[in-house]
Amino acid sequence: MKNLHFLWLLCIFLIASCVPPKFAARIGGNYATIAGDDTDNFDGKIGLNIGGYAEFNVADRFSVQPEVFYSQQGTKYSDSDGFDGKINLDYINVPVMGKFYVSDGFFLEAGPQIGFLVSAKDKFDSPISGEDDIKEFIKNTDFSGNVGAGYQFESGLNIGARFSYGFSNINDFEDTENFSNNNCLFSLLFGWRF
């Protein structure tokens, strides 16, 4: 975890020493699930992400891109007792991506991310319907790593795909030191750079 904090500080230092940024807005879709212990009955769920970023050119083909976006995550589940539902986890995610332009427009990216939990709900559908607030059982912050690729068009439009894997245990239950779950997320992203 200390290495992630160091990497984050290094990214912020690089950003501060760069030329003025190019700003962009972004919207996309998520395919999210929760991995780790006791997740055999979990399936992916679809959600939304929306936000913006600033791209700082550091070198000819390399830039640093801090972002802020709202992200719907979680998982679907179906357990042996016949309960079906969704765990809806909403985050404000703040990644700092290193972006390398392989050729004109085409880029690869990677970087750390911190997520701040906004809400956590267990919405169950059958055999009864209802919703429980489970925020007290989920940690308020989530540390992840991201990798992705995309294409930046000259018009300003950009498209991309990104995979995010959680490094931290999101559980905040008592007496669960040996029980760990983490967020997994695949995103399709559509943006417009001004």
Protein backbone atom coordinates (compact mmCIF):
# COMPACT_ATOMS: atom_id res chain seq x y z
CA MET A 1 0.00 0.00 0.00
CA LYS A 2 2.94 2.36 0.72
CA ASN A 3 4.18 1.79 -2.85
CA LEU A 4 0.79 2.95 -4.19
CA HIS A 5 0.97 6.15 -2.12
CA PHE A 6 4.52 6.81 -3.37
CA LEU A 7 3.45 6.23 -6.98
CA TRP A 8 0.51 8.56 -6.51
CA LEU A 9 2.72 11.34 -5.10
CA LEU A 10 5.18 10.87 -7.95
CA CYS A 11 2.35 11.26 -10.47
CA ILE A 12 1.14 14.45 -8.80
CA PHE A 13 4.70 15.86 -8.88
CA LEU A 14 4.96 15.09 -12.60
CA ILE A 15 1.63 16.75 -13.25
CA ALA A 16 2.65 19.94 -11.43
CA SER A 17 5.78 20.29 -13.59
CA CYS A 18 4.05 19.96 -16.98
CA VAL A 19 2.61 22.27 -19.58
CA PRO A 20 -1.05 23.41 -19.38
CA PRO A 21 -3.50 20.51 -19.69
CA LYS A 22 -6.13 19.56 -22.23
CA PHE A 23 -9.50 18.95 -20.54
CA ALA A 24 -12.10 16.35 -21.45
CA ALA A 25 -15.50 15.02 -20.41
CA ARG A 26 -16.25 11.29 -20.48
CA ILE A 27 -19.15 8.87 -20.21
CA GLY A 28 -19.16 5.11 -20.43
CA GLY A 29 -20.47 1.77 -19.36
CA ASN A 30 -19.14 -0.60 -16.69
CA TYR A 31 -19.27 -4.36 -16.39
CA ALA A 32 -18.48 -4.91 -12.71
CA THR A 33 -18.22 -7.78 -10.27
CA ILE A 34 -16.71 -8.61 -6.90
CA ALA A 35 -13.92 -11.20 -6.73
CA GLY A 36 -12.31 -13.06 -3.85
CA ASP A 37 -13.63 -15.34 -1.13
CA ASP A 38 -17.10 -16.91 -1.34
CA THR A 39 -18.00 -15.37 -4.71
CA ASP A 40 -19.13 -18.49 -6.62
CA ASN A 41 -22.67 -17.12 -6.85
CA PHE A 42 -21.60 -13.65 -8.11
CA ASP A 43 -22.08 -12.48 -11.70
CA GLY A 44 -21.26 -9.25 -13.48
CA LYS A 45 -23.60 -6.26 -13.49
CA ILE A 46 -23.83 -3.30 -15.84
CA GLY A 47 -23.42 0.27 -14.60
CA LEU A 48 -22.55 3.80 -15.67
CA ASN A 49 -19.46 5.95 -15.30
CA ILE A 50 -19.31 9.67 -15.96
CA GLY A 51 -16.75 12.37 -15.25
CA GLY A 52 -13.79 14.24 -16.65
CA TYR A 53 -10.04 14.43 -16.82
CA ALA A 54 -7.09 16.66 -17.61
CA GLU A 55 -4.26 15.46 -19.84
CA PHE A 56 -0.77 16.88 -19.18
CA ASN A 57 1.87 16.29 -21.89
CA VAL A 58 5.14 15.26 -20.25
CA ALA A 59 7.06 14.15 -23.35
CA ASP A 60 6.45 13.80 -27.08
CA ARG A 61 4.40 10.58 -26.77
CA PHE A 62 3.75 10.42 -23.02
CA SER A 63 1.21 12.23 -20.85
CA VAL A 64 -0.15 12.03 -17.31
CA GLN A 65 -3.91 12.05 -16.94
CA PRO A 66 -5.62 12.63 -13.56
CA GLU A 67 -9.34 11.88 -13.63
CA VAL A 68 -12.44 12.19 -11.45
CA PHE A 69 -15.58 10.20 -12.22
CA TYR A 70 -18.67 8.67 -10.70
CA SER A 71 -18.79 4.89 -11.14
CA GLN A 72 -21.57 2.34 -10.56
CA GLN A 73 -20.00 -0.95 -9.45
CA GLY A 74 -20.91 -4.06 -7.46
CA THR A 75 -22.25 -7.45 -8.54
CA LYS A 76 -25.33 -9.58 -9.19
CA TYR A 77 -25.85 -12.64 -7.01
CA SER A 78 -27.99 -15.75 -6.79
CA ASP A 79 -27.52 -17.84 -3.64
CA SER A 80 -28.48 -21.39 -2.74
CA ASP A 81 -31.41 -20.20 -0.59
CA GLY A 82 -33.10 -18.78 -3.70
CA PHE A 83 -32.29 -15.10 -3.08
CA ASP A 84 -31.47 -13.10 -6.21
CA GLY A 85 -30.35 -9.51 -6.25
CA LYS A 86 -27.63 -6.93 -6.78
CA ILE A 87 -25.02 -5.33 -4.59
CA ASN A 88 -24.83 -1.73 -5.82
CA LEU A 89 -21.61 0.08 -4.91
CA ASP A 90 -21.29 3.69 -6.08
CA TYR A 91 -17.85 5.31 -6.02
CA ILE A 92 -16.14 8.57 -6.86
CA ASN A 93 -12.95 7.25 -8.47
CA VAL A 94 -9.75 9.28 -8.84
CA PRO A 95 -7.21 7.53 -11.08
CA VAL A 96 -3.90 8.98 -12.27
CA MET A 97 -3.07 7.37 -15.61
CA GLY A 98 0.20 7.28 -17.46
CA LYS A 99 -0.68 7.48 -21.16
CA PHE A 100 1.71 6.40 -23.95
CA TYR A 101 0.83 7.19 -27.58
CA VAL A 102 2.03 4.18 -29.57
CA SER A 103 1.15 5.79 -32.91
CA ASP A 104 -0.96 8.69 -34.13
CA GLY A 105 -4.06 8.59 -31.95
CA PHE A 106 -3.62 5.06 -30.54
CA PHE A 107 -2.61 4.96 -26.85
CA LEU A 108 -1.94 2.52 -24.01
CA GLU A 109 -2.48 3.58 -20.40
CA ALA A 110 -1.91 2.35 -16.86
CA GLY A 111 -2.04 3.81 -13.38
CA PRO A 112 -3.25 3.69 -9.77
CA GLN A 113 -6.71 4.66 -8.58
CA ILE A 114 -8.35 5.53 -5.29
CA GLY A 115 -12.11 5.17 -4.96
CA PHE A 116 -14.33 6.86 -2.37
CA LEU A 117 -17.52 4.97 -1.53
CA VAL A 118 -20.67 7.09 -1.96
CA SER A 119 -23.34 4.46 -1.33
CA ALA A 120 -23.69 0.70 -0.86
CA LYS A 121 -27.04 -1.08 -1.20
CA ASP A 122 -28.16 -4.70 -1.33
CA LYS A 123 -31.19 -4.76 -3.62
CA PHE A 124 -32.86 -8.18 -3.54
CA ASP A 125 -35.58 -9.33 -5.94
CA SER A 126 -36.76 -12.79 -4.94
CA PRO A 127 -38.35 -14.53 -3.12
CA ILE A 128 -39.10 -11.11 -1.57
CA SER A 129 -38.20 -7.64 -2.80
CA GLY A 130 -36.45 -4.92 -0.87
CA GLU A 131 -33.29 -2.96 -0.33
CA ASP A 132 -30.84 -2.74 2.58
CA ASP A 133 -28.18 -0.10 3.17
CA ILE A 134 -24.88 -1.99 3.62
CA LYS A 135 -22.48 0.97 3.65
CA GLU A 136 -21.35 0.17 7.21
CA PHE A 137 -20.02 -3.20 5.94
CA ILE A 138 -17.97 -1.76 3.02
CA LYS A 139 -14.73 0.19 3.46
CA ASN A 140 -14.89 3.86 2.53
CA THR A 141 -11.82 3.74 0.26
CA ASP A 142 -10.73 1.30 -2.41
CA PHE A 143 -7.27 1.15 -4.02
CA SER A 144 -7.06 -0.25 -7.57
CA GLY A 145 -4.78 -0.55 -10.55
CA ASN A 146 -5.93 0.24 -14.11
CA VAL A 147 -4.74 -0.78 -17.58
CA GLY A 148 -6.34 0.23 -20.84
CA ALA A 149 -6.10 1.24 -24.47
CA GLY A 150 -7.89 3.64 -26.74
CA TYR A 151 -7.86 6.01 -29.67
CA GLN A 152 -7.83 9.82 -29.72
CA PHE A 153 -9.37 11.29 -32.90
CA GLU A 154 -8.23 14.70 -34.18
CA SER A 155 -11.81 15.98 -33.84
CA GLY A 156 -11.58 15.63 -30.04
CA LEU A 157 -13.60 12.41 -29.77
CA ASN A 158 -11.86 9.54 -27.98
CA ILE A 159 -12.83 5.94 -27.27
CA GLY A 160 -11.23 3.43 -24.96
CA ALA A 161 -11.47 0.29 -22.90
CA ARG A 162 -10.08 -0.15 -19.38
CA PHE A 163 -9.74 -2.92 -16.82
CA SER A 164 -9.56 -2.08 -13.11
CA TYR A 165 -8.58 -4.57 -10.41
CA GLY A 166 -8.95 -3.76 -6.72
CA PHE A 167 -5.85 -4.27 -4.55
CA SER A 168 -7.64 -3.65 -1.25
CA ASN A 169 -10.18 -5.71 0.66
CA ILE A 170 -13.52 -3.87 0.47
CA ASN A 171 -15.07 -5.77 3.42
CA ASP A 172 -15.50 -3.90 6.69
CA PHE A 173 -17.13 -6.72 8.65
CA GLU A 174 -15.95 -7.55 12.17
CA ASP A 175 -13.85 -10.73 12.52
CA THR A 176 -13.20 -11.15 8.78
CA GLU A 177 -9.40 -10.95 8.74
CA ASN A 178 -9.20 -14.10 6.59
CA PHE A 179 -12.10 -13.12 4.31
CA SER A 180 -11.25 -10.82 1.41
CA ASN A 181 -13.18 -9.37 -1.53
CA ASN A 182 -12.14 -6.85 -4.14
CA ASN A 183 -13.71 -4.88 -6.98
CA CYS A 184 -13.18 -5.88 -10.62
CA LEU A 185 -14.32 -3.60 -13.40
CA PHE A 186 -14.23 -3.49 -17.19
CA SER A 187 -15.21 -0.15 -18.75
CA LEU A 188 -15.95 1.12 -22.24
CA LEU A 189 -15.29 4.86 -22.38
CA PHE A 190 -16.38 7.63 -24.75
CA GLY A 191 -14.98 11.12 -24.30
CA TRP A 192 -14.55 14.53 -25.84
CA ARG A 193 -11.32 16.49 -25.41
CA PHE A 194 -11.68 20.27 -25.71
